[in-house]
Protein backbone atom coordinates (compact mmCIF):
# COMPACT_ATOMS: atom_id res chain seq x y z
CA MET A 1 -14.87 148.25 -94.75
CA THR A 2 -12.74 148.84 -97.39
CA VAL A 3 -9.15 150.06 -96.58
CA GLN A 4 -6.92 151.61 -99.22
CA THR A 5 -4.05 149.11 -99.78
CA LEU A 6 -1.11 152.18 -100.69
CA ILE A 7 1.27 153.09 -98.46
CA PRO A 8 0.61 156.96 -96.94
CA PRO A 9 3.29 159.28 -96.85
CA ARG A 10 5.47 158.77 -93.52
CA THR A 11 4.08 161.33 -91.24
CA VAL A 12 5.85 163.13 -88.05
CA GLY A 13 2.43 163.66 -86.36
CA PRO A 14 0.36 166.96 -86.49
CA THR A 15 1.87 170.41 -85.35
CA ALA A 16 1.70 170.59 -81.77
CA PRO A 17 3.81 172.40 -78.77
CA ALA A 18 6.75 170.33 -77.66
CA GLU A 19 5.08 169.66 -74.50
CA TRP A 20 1.76 168.62 -76.15
CA TRP A 21 1.47 166.17 -73.55
CA ARG A 22 1.79 167.92 -70.67
CA GLY A 23 -2.20 167.59 -69.18
CA ALA A 24 -3.42 165.66 -72.24
CA VAL A 25 -6.38 163.54 -72.28
CA ILE A 26 -5.55 160.03 -73.96
CA TYR A 27 -7.76 157.51 -74.86
CA GLN A 28 -6.75 153.91 -74.52
CA ILE A 29 -7.61 151.19 -77.08
CA TYR A 30 -7.40 147.42 -76.76
CA PRO A 31 -7.30 146.35 -80.62
CA ARG A 32 -8.81 142.86 -79.66
CA SER A 33 -11.93 144.41 -78.23
CA PHE A 34 -12.29 147.43 -80.26
CA ALA A 35 -13.36 146.56 -83.74
CA ASP A 36 -13.59 143.76 -86.06
CA THR A 37 -13.77 144.06 -89.72
CA ASN A 38 -12.38 140.62 -91.29
CA GLY A 39 -15.06 138.45 -89.23
CA ASP A 40 -12.64 136.40 -87.49
CA GLY A 41 -13.96 137.64 -83.87
CA VAL A 42 -10.63 139.43 -82.89
CA GLY A 43 -10.82 143.49 -83.40
CA ASP A 44 -8.10 144.74 -85.63
CA LEU A 45 -6.52 147.91 -87.17
CA ASN A 46 -9.10 148.49 -89.53
CA GLY A 47 -11.41 148.31 -86.90
CA VAL A 48 -9.42 151.39 -85.27
CA ILE A 49 -9.24 153.11 -88.47
CA ALA A 50 -12.85 152.73 -88.82
CA HIS A 51 -14.06 154.31 -85.41
CA LEU A 52 -11.27 156.97 -84.97
CA ASP A 53 -13.96 159.61 -85.78
CA HIS A 54 -15.86 158.63 -82.57
CA VAL A 55 -12.37 159.03 -80.54
CA ALA A 56 -11.73 162.23 -81.99
CA SER A 57 -15.30 163.50 -81.11
CA LEU A 58 -14.54 162.93 -77.69
CA GLY A 59 -12.07 165.91 -77.83
CA VAL A 60 -9.11 163.74 -76.69
CA ASP A 61 -5.65 164.42 -77.37
CA GLY A 62 -4.52 161.27 -78.74
CA VAL A 63 -4.77 157.46 -78.64
CA TRP A 64 -2.79 154.68 -76.75
CA LEU A 65 -2.86 151.27 -78.57
CA SER A 66 -2.10 148.25 -76.38
CA PRO A 67 0.17 145.80 -78.35
CA PHE A 68 -0.75 144.64 -81.83
CA PHE A 69 2.86 143.21 -82.78
CA THR A 70 3.79 139.91 -83.90
CA SER A 71 2.96 137.33 -81.32
CA PRO A 72 1.86 134.03 -80.33
CA MET A 73 -1.08 135.62 -77.99
CA LYS A 74 -0.28 133.53 -74.96
CA ASP A 75 -0.39 136.98 -72.97
CA PHE A 76 -2.44 138.60 -75.96
CA GLY A 77 0.27 140.80 -77.32
CA TYR A 78 2.31 141.37 -74.43
CA ASP A 79 4.69 138.69 -75.61
CA VAL A 80 5.99 140.06 -78.55
CA ALA A 81 7.84 137.70 -80.88
CA ASP A 82 8.60 140.69 -83.37
CA TYR A 83 8.96 144.38 -82.09
CA CYS A 84 8.88 145.49 -85.84
CA GLY A 85 6.18 143.40 -87.07
CA VAL A 86 2.27 143.62 -87.03
CA ASP A 87 0.63 140.27 -86.34
CA PRO A 88 -1.60 139.04 -89.05
CA ILE A 89 -4.75 138.89 -86.61
CA PHE A 90 -4.69 142.65 -86.24
CA GLY A 91 -3.79 143.38 -90.10
CA SER A 92 -0.37 144.71 -91.76
CA LEU A 93 2.01 147.51 -91.50
CA GLU A 94 0.63 149.13 -94.34
CA ASP A 95 -2.79 149.07 -91.91
CA PHE A 96 -0.59 150.57 -89.29
CA ASP A 97 0.28 153.52 -91.44
CA TRP A 98 -2.90 154.72 -92.80
CA LEU A 99 -3.97 154.39 -88.69
CA VAL A 100 -1.17 156.94 -88.11
CA ALA A 101 -2.08 159.01 -91.15
CA LYS A 102 -5.92 159.08 -90.11
CA ALA A 103 -5.06 159.77 -86.48
CA HIS A 104 -2.90 162.57 -87.34
CA GLY A 105 -5.70 164.12 -90.07
CA LEU A 106 -8.08 164.38 -86.72
CA GLY A 107 -5.41 166.04 -84.62
CA LEU A 108 -5.05 162.73 -82.78
CA LYS A 109 -1.53 161.95 -81.41
CA VAL A 110 -0.81 158.29 -81.56
CA ILE A 111 1.18 156.21 -78.77
CA THR A 112 1.94 152.67 -78.78
CA ASP A 113 2.86 150.07 -76.21
CA LEU A 114 6.56 148.97 -76.02
CA VAL A 115 6.96 145.69 -74.02
CA PHE A 116 10.78 145.89 -72.81
CA ALA A 117 11.16 143.70 -69.98
CA HIS A 118 10.31 140.50 -71.88
CA THR A 119 9.93 138.74 -75.20
CA SER A 120 7.95 135.76 -76.16
CA ASP A 121 9.93 132.34 -76.24
CA ARG A 122 8.94 132.66 -80.20
CA HIS A 123 11.15 135.64 -80.37
CA ALA A 124 14.24 134.80 -83.09
CA TRP A 125 16.59 135.94 -80.16
CA PHE A 126 15.19 133.49 -77.58
CA GLY A 127 15.73 130.70 -80.30
CA GLU A 128 19.19 131.90 -80.67
CA SER A 129 19.87 132.43 -77.02
CA ARG A 130 18.70 128.81 -76.07
CA ALA A 131 20.33 127.07 -78.57
CA SER A 132 23.90 127.59 -77.39
CA ARG A 133 25.99 129.35 -74.29
CA THR A 134 28.46 131.04 -76.58
CA GLY A 135 26.60 132.36 -79.68
CA LEU A 136 26.04 135.70 -80.73
CA ARG A 137 23.09 136.00 -78.28
CA ALA A 138 23.65 133.73 -75.84
CA ASP A 139 23.29 136.74 -72.76
CA TRP A 140 20.69 138.39 -74.13
CA TYR A 141 18.24 136.32 -71.77
CA VAL A 142 18.56 135.77 -68.30
CA TRP A 143 20.15 132.13 -67.54
CA ALA A 144 21.53 130.39 -64.62
CA ASP A 145 22.77 127.23 -63.40
CA ALA A 146 20.44 125.12 -61.42
CA LYS A 147 21.51 124.74 -57.52
CA PRO A 148 23.33 121.44 -56.60
CA ASP A 149 19.87 119.73 -55.73
CA GLY A 150 18.42 121.02 -59.23
CA SER A 151 16.19 123.61 -57.75
CA PRO A 152 15.89 126.82 -59.64
CA PRO A 153 18.58 129.41 -58.85
CA SER A 154 16.54 132.09 -56.59
CA ASN A 155 13.26 131.70 -54.85
CA TRP A 156 11.99 134.38 -57.10
CA GLN A 157 8.31 134.13 -58.03
CA SER A 158 6.45 135.11 -61.37
CA VAL A 159 3.58 137.36 -61.48
CA PHE A 160 1.08 134.72 -62.86
CA GLY A 161 2.08 132.07 -60.38
CA GLY A 162 4.86 129.56 -59.65
CA PRO A 163 8.78 130.21 -59.46
CA ALA A 164 10.33 133.00 -61.84
CA TRP A 165 12.68 129.89 -63.53
CA THR A 166 11.73 127.30 -66.02
CA TRP A 167 14.52 124.40 -66.92
CA ASP A 168 15.61 124.35 -70.60
CA ALA A 169 17.22 121.10 -71.58
CA ARG A 170 18.91 122.38 -74.83
CA ARG A 171 20.95 124.75 -72.92
CA GLY A 172 20.90 122.63 -69.22
CA GLN A 173 20.33 126.02 -67.53
CA TYR A 174 17.16 127.75 -66.03
CA TYR A 175 15.94 131.18 -67.53
CA MET A 176 13.86 133.73 -65.94
CA HIS A 177 10.53 134.93 -66.56
CA ASN A 178 8.87 137.36 -64.25
CA PHE A 179 5.49 136.33 -65.75
CA LEU A 180 4.43 133.22 -68.20
CA PRO A 181 7.06 130.85 -68.85
CA GLU A 182 6.37 131.86 -72.59
CA GLN A 183 7.63 135.11 -71.58
CA PRO A 184 11.85 134.78 -71.42
CA GLN A 185 13.16 137.91 -69.44
CA LEU A 186 15.53 140.06 -71.63
CA ASN A 187 18.94 140.60 -70.22
CA LEU A 188 18.75 144.83 -70.14
CA HIS A 189 22.43 144.40 -68.42
CA SER A 190 23.72 143.92 -72.12
CA ARG A 191 24.46 147.01 -74.08
CA ALA A 192 23.61 145.10 -77.14
CA VAL A 193 20.03 144.03 -75.78
CA GLN A 194 19.34 148.04 -74.69
CA ASP A 195 20.63 149.11 -78.69
CA ALA A 196 18.21 146.21 -80.00
CA LEU A 197 15.47 147.81 -78.16
CA LEU A 198 16.50 151.09 -79.06
CA ASP A 199 16.12 150.45 -82.32
CA ALA A 200 12.81 148.61 -82.11
CA ALA A 201 11.53 152.27 -80.45
CA ARG A 202 13.14 154.02 -83.67
CA PHE A 203 11.48 152.10 -86.11
CA TRP A 204 8.20 153.00 -84.60
CA LEU A 205 9.39 156.98 -84.24
CA ASP A 206 10.28 156.67 -88.30
CA ARG A 207 6.96 155.47 -88.81
CA GLY A 208 5.21 158.60 -87.38
CA VAL A 209 4.46 157.48 -83.90
CA ASP A 210 4.12 160.19 -80.77
CA GLY A 211 5.32 158.37 -77.99
CA PHE A 212 5.38 155.11 -76.17
CA ARG A 213 3.98 153.71 -73.05
CA PHE A 214 6.48 150.85 -71.40
CA ASP A 215 5.03 148.12 -69.99
CA ALA A 216 6.04 146.91 -66.53
CA ILE A 217 9.47 149.16 -66.96
CA ASN A 218 10.22 148.12 -63.53
CA PHE A 219 10.54 144.58 -64.20
CA ALA A 220 13.44 145.69 -66.93
CA LEU A 221 16.47 144.77 -64.87
CA HIS A 222 17.29 142.05 -62.28
CA ASP A 223 19.89 141.31 -59.61
CA PRO A 224 22.99 139.65 -61.23
CA ALA A 225 23.69 138.07 -58.13
CA LEU A 226 20.47 136.17 -58.17
CA THR A 227 20.01 137.28 -54.27
CA ASP A 228 16.80 135.48 -52.73
CA ASN A 229 13.91 137.95 -52.08
CA PRO A 230 12.97 138.60 -48.66
CA PRO A 231 9.57 137.92 -47.09
CA LEU A 232 6.89 140.79 -47.02
CA PRO A 233 5.54 141.38 -43.57
CA PRO A 234 2.45 139.37 -42.78
CA GLY A 235 -0.91 140.60 -43.81
CA GLY A 236 -2.81 141.67 -46.89
CA LYS A 237 -4.56 139.28 -49.44
CA ARG A 238 -2.04 136.49 -50.96
CA THR A 239 -3.35 134.63 -53.86
CA ARG A 240 0.09 133.83 -55.61
CA PRO A 241 3.49 132.76 -54.02
CA PHE A 242 4.35 136.28 -55.50
CA ASP A 243 2.31 138.03 -53.38
CA PHE A 244 4.47 136.79 -50.33
CA GLN A 245 7.68 138.62 -51.49
CA ASP A 246 9.23 141.84 -51.34
CA LYS A 247 10.29 142.02 -55.16
CA VAL A 248 13.78 144.05 -54.30
CA HIS A 249 15.95 141.67 -56.24
CA ASN A 250 13.89 140.60 -59.20
CA GLN A 251 12.83 144.00 -60.12
CA SER A 252 13.12 147.56 -59.38
CA GLN A 253 16.83 147.82 -60.03
CA PRO A 254 18.76 151.28 -59.94
CA GLY A 255 20.34 150.77 -63.47
CA ILE A 256 16.68 150.93 -65.08
CA VAL A 257 17.18 154.69 -64.95
CA ASP A 258 20.45 154.60 -66.86
CA PHE A 259 18.29 152.73 -69.82
CA LEU A 260 15.26 155.47 -69.19
CA LYS A 261 17.72 158.07 -69.90
CA ARG A 262 18.63 156.49 -73.02
CA ILE A 263 15.06 156.25 -74.58
CA ARG A 264 14.50 159.63 -73.33
CA SER A 265 17.54 160.76 -75.51
CA LEU A 266 16.33 158.80 -78.48
CA THR A 267 12.26 160.36 -78.21
CA ASP A 268 13.77 163.88 -77.86
CA SER A 269 15.89 163.50 -80.84
CA TYR A 270 12.46 163.18 -82.56
CA GLY A 271 11.20 166.16 -81.00
CA GLY A 272 7.99 166.43 -78.88
CA ARG A 273 7.38 162.75 -78.35
CA PHE A 274 5.90 161.46 -75.00
CA SER A 275 7.01 158.74 -72.89
CA VAL A 276 5.16 156.99 -70.01
CA ALA A 277 5.99 154.42 -67.76
CA GLU A 278 3.72 151.83 -66.31
CA VAL A 279 4.71 150.98 -62.74
CA GLY A 280 3.03 148.69 -60.67
CA GLY A 281 4.09 146.91 -57.15
CA ASP A 282 4.79 147.35 -53.48
CA HIS A 283 7.03 150.34 -54.17
CA ALA A 284 5.62 151.79 -57.41
CA GLU A 285 5.27 155.54 -56.18
CA ARG A 286 9.13 155.49 -55.13
CA GLU A 287 10.18 154.34 -58.81
CA MET A 288 7.69 156.53 -60.62
CA GLN A 289 9.02 159.15 -58.92
CA ALA A 290 12.53 157.78 -60.12
CA PHE A 291 11.71 157.38 -63.40
CA THR A 292 10.52 160.86 -64.26
CA ARG A 293 12.51 163.17 -62.20
CA GLY A 294 14.63 165.93 -63.88
CA ASP A 295 14.54 166.38 -67.59
CA ASP A 296 16.50 163.31 -68.80
CA ARG A 297 14.31 160.56 -68.05
CA LEU A 298 10.69 159.71 -69.14
CA ASN A 299 7.79 162.12 -69.30
CA SER A 300 5.47 160.74 -66.79
CA ALA A 301 4.55 157.70 -65.19
CA TYR A 302 1.25 156.03 -63.78
CA GLY A 303 0.71 153.46 -61.51
CA PHE A 304 -1.99 151.08 -59.73
CA LEU A 305 -3.04 153.81 -57.14
CA TYR A 306 -7.04 154.17 -58.57
CA LEU A 307 -6.64 150.97 -60.71
CA TYR A 308 -6.46 148.43 -57.91
CA ALA A 309 -8.29 150.55 -55.35
CA PRO A 310 -11.53 148.74 -54.09
CA GLU A 311 -13.33 152.01 -53.23
CA LEU A 312 -12.75 155.74 -53.87
CA PHE A 313 -12.78 157.98 -50.94
CA PRO A 314 -11.00 161.05 -49.98
CA GLY A 315 -7.89 159.75 -48.38
CA LEU A 316 -7.22 158.25 -51.56
CA VAL A 317 -7.53 161.39 -54.04
CA ARG A 318 -4.81 163.19 -51.03
CA GLU A 319 -2.71 160.32 -51.31
CA GLY A 320 -2.46 160.85 -54.91
CA ALA A 321 -1.91 164.63 -54.90
CA ASP A 322 0.35 164.66 -52.01
CA ALA A 323 3.10 162.05 -53.78
CA TRP A 324 2.76 164.50 -56.62
CA HIS A 325 2.88 167.59 -55.22
CA GLY A 326 5.10 169.26 -58.19
CA LEU A 327 8.24 170.64 -56.15
CA ASP A 328 11.73 169.75 -56.80
CA GLY A 329 11.98 168.89 -59.71
CA GLN A 330 9.67 166.25 -59.57
CA GLY A 331 8.37 164.56 -62.66
CA TRP A 332 4.69 164.67 -64.18
CA PRO A 333 1.93 161.79 -63.13
CA SER A 334 -0.56 160.31 -65.39
CA TRP A 335 -3.84 159.05 -64.22
CA THR A 336 -6.57 156.04 -65.27
CA PHE A 337 -9.39 154.81 -63.57
CA SER A 338 -10.05 151.73 -65.63
CA ASN A 339 -7.40 149.90 -67.69
CA HIS A 340 -6.99 146.34 -69.85
CA ASP A 341 -5.41 145.12 -66.41
CA ALA A 342 -8.15 146.08 -63.71
CA PRO A 343 -11.97 145.81 -63.12
CA ARG A 344 -13.63 148.26 -64.39
CA ALA A 345 -14.11 151.58 -61.84
CA VAL A 346 -17.85 151.67 -61.87
CA SER A 347 -18.18 148.10 -60.72
CA ARG A 348 -15.41 148.64 -58.10
CA TRP A 349 -16.45 151.88 -56.48
CA ALA A 350 -20.37 152.32 -57.49
CA ARG A 351 -21.17 150.20 -54.28
CA GLY A 352 -25.04 149.97 -54.75
CA ARG A 353 -25.49 153.68 -56.06
CA ASP A 354 -26.59 154.57 -59.45
CA ARG A 355 -23.86 153.25 -61.89
CA LYS A 356 -24.37 155.96 -64.40
CA ALA A 357 -24.32 159.14 -61.52
CA PHE A 358 -21.07 157.49 -60.70
CA ALA A 359 -19.62 157.08 -64.07
CA ASP A 360 -20.57 160.92 -64.45
CA MET A 361 -19.03 161.97 -61.65
CA ALA A 362 -15.76 159.73 -61.92
CA LEU A 363 -15.04 161.12 -65.10
CA MET A 364 -15.44 164.68 -63.78
CA LEU A 365 -12.82 163.96 -61.26
CA LEU A 366 -10.46 162.33 -63.33
CA ILE A 367 -10.36 165.56 -65.63
CA CYS A 368 -9.88 167.57 -62.65
CA LEU A 369 -6.93 165.63 -61.30
CA ARG A 370 -3.24 167.16 -62.21
CA GLY A 371 -1.65 165.18 -64.52
CA ASN A 372 -2.38 163.52 -67.79
CA ALA A 373 -5.91 161.91 -67.96
CA PHE A 374 -6.37 158.69 -69.64
CA ILE A 375 -9.54 157.19 -70.59
CA TYR A 376 -10.15 153.32 -71.25
CA GLN A 377 -12.43 152.24 -74.00
CA GLY A 378 -15.75 151.98 -72.76
CA GLU A 379 -15.19 154.34 -69.91
CA GLU A 380 -17.09 157.40 -71.82
CA LEU A 381 -19.95 154.68 -71.82
CA GLY A 382 -20.08 154.20 -68.27
CA LEU A 383 -19.50 150.42 -69.05
CA PRO A 384 -19.42 148.47 -65.81
CA GLN A 385 -17.21 145.01 -65.73
CA ALA A 386 -18.38 142.31 -68.06
CA GLN A 387 -19.54 138.88 -66.64
CA VAL A 388 -17.37 136.30 -68.05
CA PRO A 389 -18.18 132.63 -67.30
CA PHE A 390 -15.05 130.66 -66.59
CA ASP A 391 -15.67 128.24 -69.81
CA ARG A 392 -15.28 131.48 -71.65
CA LEU A 393 -12.32 132.64 -69.47
CA VAL A 394 -8.79 133.00 -71.86
CA ASP A 395 -6.79 135.37 -69.39
CA PRO A 396 -3.80 132.49 -67.94
CA GLU A 397 -3.89 134.83 -64.74
CA ALA A 398 -7.79 134.34 -64.12
CA ILE A 399 -7.94 130.15 -65.16
CA VAL A 400 -4.79 129.29 -63.04
CA ASN A 401 -6.24 131.27 -60.10
CA TRP A 402 -9.91 131.34 -60.42
CA PRO A 403 -11.92 132.03 -58.31
CA GLN A 404 -9.69 134.14 -56.17
CA THR A 405 -8.57 135.99 -58.89
CA LEU A 406 -11.24 137.18 -61.55
CA GLY A 407 -8.60 138.22 -63.97
CA ARG A 408 -8.83 140.65 -66.75
CA ASP A 409 -11.31 139.33 -69.34
CA GLY A 410 -14.23 141.28 -67.88
CA ALA A 411 -12.30 144.77 -68.30
CA ARG A 412 -11.63 143.33 -72.21
CA THR A 413 -14.89 142.21 -73.70
CA PRO A 414 -15.90 143.85 -77.04
CA MET A 415 -16.76 147.39 -77.13
CA PRO A 416 -20.88 147.71 -77.85
CA TRP A 417 -21.42 150.05 -80.72
CA ARG A 418 -24.83 149.03 -81.95
CA ALA A 419 -27.51 147.58 -79.39
CA GLU A 420 -29.55 145.84 -81.83
CA ALA A 421 -26.45 144.54 -83.78
CA PRO A 422 -25.21 140.87 -83.58
CA PHE A 423 -22.22 140.91 -81.09
CA ALA A 424 -23.01 144.92 -80.50
CA GLY A 425 -21.70 145.45 -83.95
CA PHE A 426 -18.20 144.36 -82.96
CA SER A 427 -17.96 141.62 -85.26
CA THR A 428 -20.01 139.58 -87.57
CA ALA A 429 -18.96 136.19 -85.81
CA GLN A 430 -18.94 134.90 -82.32
CA PRO A 431 -16.03 137.20 -80.47
CA TRP A 432 -13.15 136.18 -78.47
CA LEU A 433 -14.80 137.24 -75.61
CA PRO A 434 -18.85 137.41 -75.19
CA VAL A 435 -20.22 140.62 -75.10
CA ASP A 436 -22.23 141.20 -71.84
CA ALA A 437 -25.98 141.92 -72.36
CA ALA A 438 -25.51 144.77 -69.47
CA HIS A 439 -23.74 146.54 -72.07
CA LEU A 440 -26.29 146.70 -74.64
CA PRO A 441 -28.22 149.49 -73.45
CA LEU A 442 -25.05 151.61 -72.81
CA ALA A 443 -24.15 151.05 -76.69
CA VAL A 444 -22.72 153.64 -78.71
CA ASP A 445 -25.70 154.27 -80.78
CA ARG A 446 -28.11 154.72 -77.82
CA GLN A 447 -26.14 156.75 -76.15
CA GLU A 448 -25.52 159.43 -79.10
CA ALA A 449 -29.40 159.49 -79.56
CA ASP A 450 -29.43 160.61 -75.59
CA PRO A 451 -28.42 164.01 -74.53
CA GLY A 452 -27.99 162.67 -71.23
CA SER A 453 -26.09 160.03 -71.75
CA THR A 454 -22.35 159.70 -70.08
CA LEU A 455 -21.19 159.69 -73.85
CA HIS A 456 -22.37 163.05 -73.81
CA LEU A 457 -21.31 164.10 -70.84
CA ALA A 458 -17.62 162.54 -71.75
CA ARG A 459 -17.29 165.00 -74.35
CA ARG A 460 -18.21 168.10 -72.23
CA MET A 461 -15.85 166.92 -69.69
CA VAL A 462 -12.80 166.67 -72.06
CA ARG A 463 -13.68 170.23 -73.21
CA LEU A 464 -14.02 171.68 -69.68
CA ARG A 465 -10.25 170.73 -69.47
CA ALA A 466 -9.53 172.17 -72.72
CA ARG A 467 -11.34 175.75 -71.45
CA HIS A 468 -9.95 175.66 -68.34
CA GLY A 469 -6.14 176.05 -68.45
CA ALA A 470 -5.83 175.51 -64.57
CA LEU A 471 -7.34 171.88 -64.82
CA ARG A 472 -4.48 171.15 -67.81
CA THR A 473 -1.54 172.22 -66.00
CA GLY A 474 -2.08 174.23 -62.89
CA GLU A 475 -1.21 173.39 -59.08
CA MET A 476 -3.17 171.16 -57.25
CA VAL A 477 -3.73 172.09 -53.49
CA MET A 478 -6.02 169.98 -51.59
CA LEU A 479 -8.52 171.92 -48.98
CA ASP A 480 -9.49 169.90 -45.83
CA MET A 481 -13.19 168.93 -46.02
CA PRO A 482 -15.57 167.13 -43.84
CA GLY A 483 -16.96 163.63 -43.98
CA ASP A 484 -16.99 162.29 -47.78
CA LEU A 485 -16.32 165.50 -49.30
CA VAL A 486 -13.20 166.27 -51.31
CA ALA A 487 -12.11 169.43 -52.77
CA PHE A 488 -9.23 170.98 -54.27
CA ARG A 489 -7.87 174.37 -55.85
CA ARG A 490 -6.29 174.13 -59.36
CA GLY A 491 -4.13 176.61 -60.55
CA SER A 492 -3.62 180.30 -59.23
CA GLY A 493 -4.84 183.90 -59.51
CA PRO A 494 -7.50 184.85 -61.74
CA ALA A 495 -7.82 181.63 -63.59
CA GLN A 496 -7.58 179.26 -60.48
CA ARG A 497 -10.50 176.82 -60.13
CA LEU A 498 -12.18 174.76 -57.43
CA CYS A 499 -13.34 171.28 -57.26
CA VAL A 500 -15.75 170.01 -54.99
CA PHE A 501 -16.89 166.35 -55.10
CA ASN A 502 -19.21 164.18 -52.80
CA LEU A 503 -17.62 160.55 -52.88
CA GLY A 504 -20.26 159.34 -50.08
CA HIS A 505 -23.38 157.68 -49.66
CA ALA A 506 -25.64 160.66 -48.35
CA ALA A 507 -26.21 164.18 -48.90
CA GLN A 508 -23.59 167.01 -47.39
CA THR A 509 -24.22 170.39 -46.23
CA TRP A 510 -21.76 172.59 -48.19
CA THR A 511 -21.70 176.48 -49.05
CA ALA A 512 -19.24 177.73 -51.60
CA PRO A 513 -16.80 179.93 -50.49
CA ASP A 514 -17.77 183.93 -51.21
CA GLY A 515 -16.29 185.04 -54.43
CA TRP A 516 -16.64 181.85 -56.25
CA ALA A 517 -19.49 180.38 -58.67
CA VAL A 518 -20.40 177.45 -60.11
CA VAL A 519 -19.53 176.96 -64.08
CA GLU A 520 -19.73 173.36 -64.47
CA ALA A 521 -21.73 170.64 -62.31
CA VAL A 522 -22.45 166.67 -62.46
CA ASN A 523 -25.15 165.26 -60.66
CA VAL A 524 -26.44 168.53 -58.97
CA ALA A 525 -28.47 171.23 -59.58
CA VAL A 526 -26.64 174.53 -59.90
CA SER A 527 -29.16 177.61 -59.87
CA PRO A 528 -29.28 178.84 -57.24
CA THR A 529 -25.80 178.02 -55.86
CA PRO A 530 -26.10 174.47 -53.87
CA GLU A 531 -26.06 174.31 -50.27
CA ILE A 532 -26.51 170.64 -50.16
CA LEU A 533 -24.52 168.14 -52.12
CA PRO A 534 -26.13 164.91 -53.31
CA PRO A 535 -24.20 161.74 -53.31
CA LEU A 536 -21.92 161.49 -56.52
CA ALA A 537 -22.11 165.53 -57.07
CA GLY A 538 -19.29 167.51 -58.63
CA LEU A 539 -18.72 170.81 -59.04
CA LEU A 540 -16.38 173.27 -60.66
CA LEU A 541 -16.29 176.88 -59.54
CA ALA A 542 -14.04 179.98 -60.45
CA PRO A 543 -13.76 183.27 -59.23
CA THR A 544 -16.20 186.11 -59.73
CA GLY A 545 -13.94 188.74 -59.34
């Protein structure tokens, strides 16, 4: 692929309502695995540019790009060494400018990740901070003396295993890291650190981005007293020391909200920008509510309600709807069934049932939920989780905790573009992760040629939300249903819609209420109106009056 090297004019994005994001459908791109144009086996920004037409063909409102910043790639870009640089493996700032320009030309918004809880240990800030206890950036990271016996300052544990503290002989102190030792924790209690991070956000806003996803933002502040975390009550799967603690002191601090207000003030000053928090952990719902309440915090948040759920059942849908009821100044939710951190939904939830039927039904359910819908690359193809042999694993969490934690690599394998091409058309060289043979029959070119494919259905589902305003912004009211049926009403009055799904393994008897007619269906015939809903059926009904 040939890409021009001239820098295009800076753009502030396509004209759209200030709240274009409310009810939007956003497509997540993991650049390392999307498309490789320079033959090094790793996806790049030019690969994204080359396939933006595919994304636009889905009818989505925008794209979210996982990190492409300068990084030693210990955690594949989530260890940032320069917030304002593009890592050479992905391309250049000029490539990014062209990406934004092309996306905007296609009517797509561009959202980028920002990782504000930590940096790479290769970041210049950390180099200065570890060099001296009295330097300009001495307090930009979380440093603490050892206990009298030389042990770490607190009992805090890291997500990837082991203590959240690493000894540094240069300073003669421990530094904190919630993730890898190569990801030292920033000290956001420092106003100077907050200012520097806001400057980084401003840099990308000036280059035309339309919003940000804030990675693991509930990890952004710690308890300065370094109080030990209490244990969690017994029970549940415990693979890592991290799983034994209630993380109330090394994350989820109330001061995070004040920093988010500063972020919101900045994004609002650019007009029509979108901000969404990623929040995981034991208190995710409470924190997501706090991070989005009112009109001076982030626009939206999403957690792992669906991402880590081992099965899809009516109670799970009700749990999400009850938590995000839309009352009392509550924020706006975002939902995703798959992403780069979680096993693909089809493999978690199909449980012996037809995978294509499940993928189709799941897409319709995601589109019908109240909130924003995030579609992860390959979800529009119904891709299952890829099988990655141990000797090809690169995810540090998977390698350390194998086989109890299979890790994230199976959700990050290359996007299959052409079934018969080497490496499924992702690259001309051996990719950084293998292409699963099970993905080849699901490649984009195969599905383009099949009108009944999941790809064509995905386009239909995205159009469904655009066509029915109640699905985009209407209220959501759960209805009582028997067995494995789930039903909810979206919106009110003549524009309201009724959504019905059979999430179970067996057919269910169901009769449409009087005065309603089916306007869209998945995995079930609609003429006449069905009285038996087969497994994995989905229906959208509208009032006939």
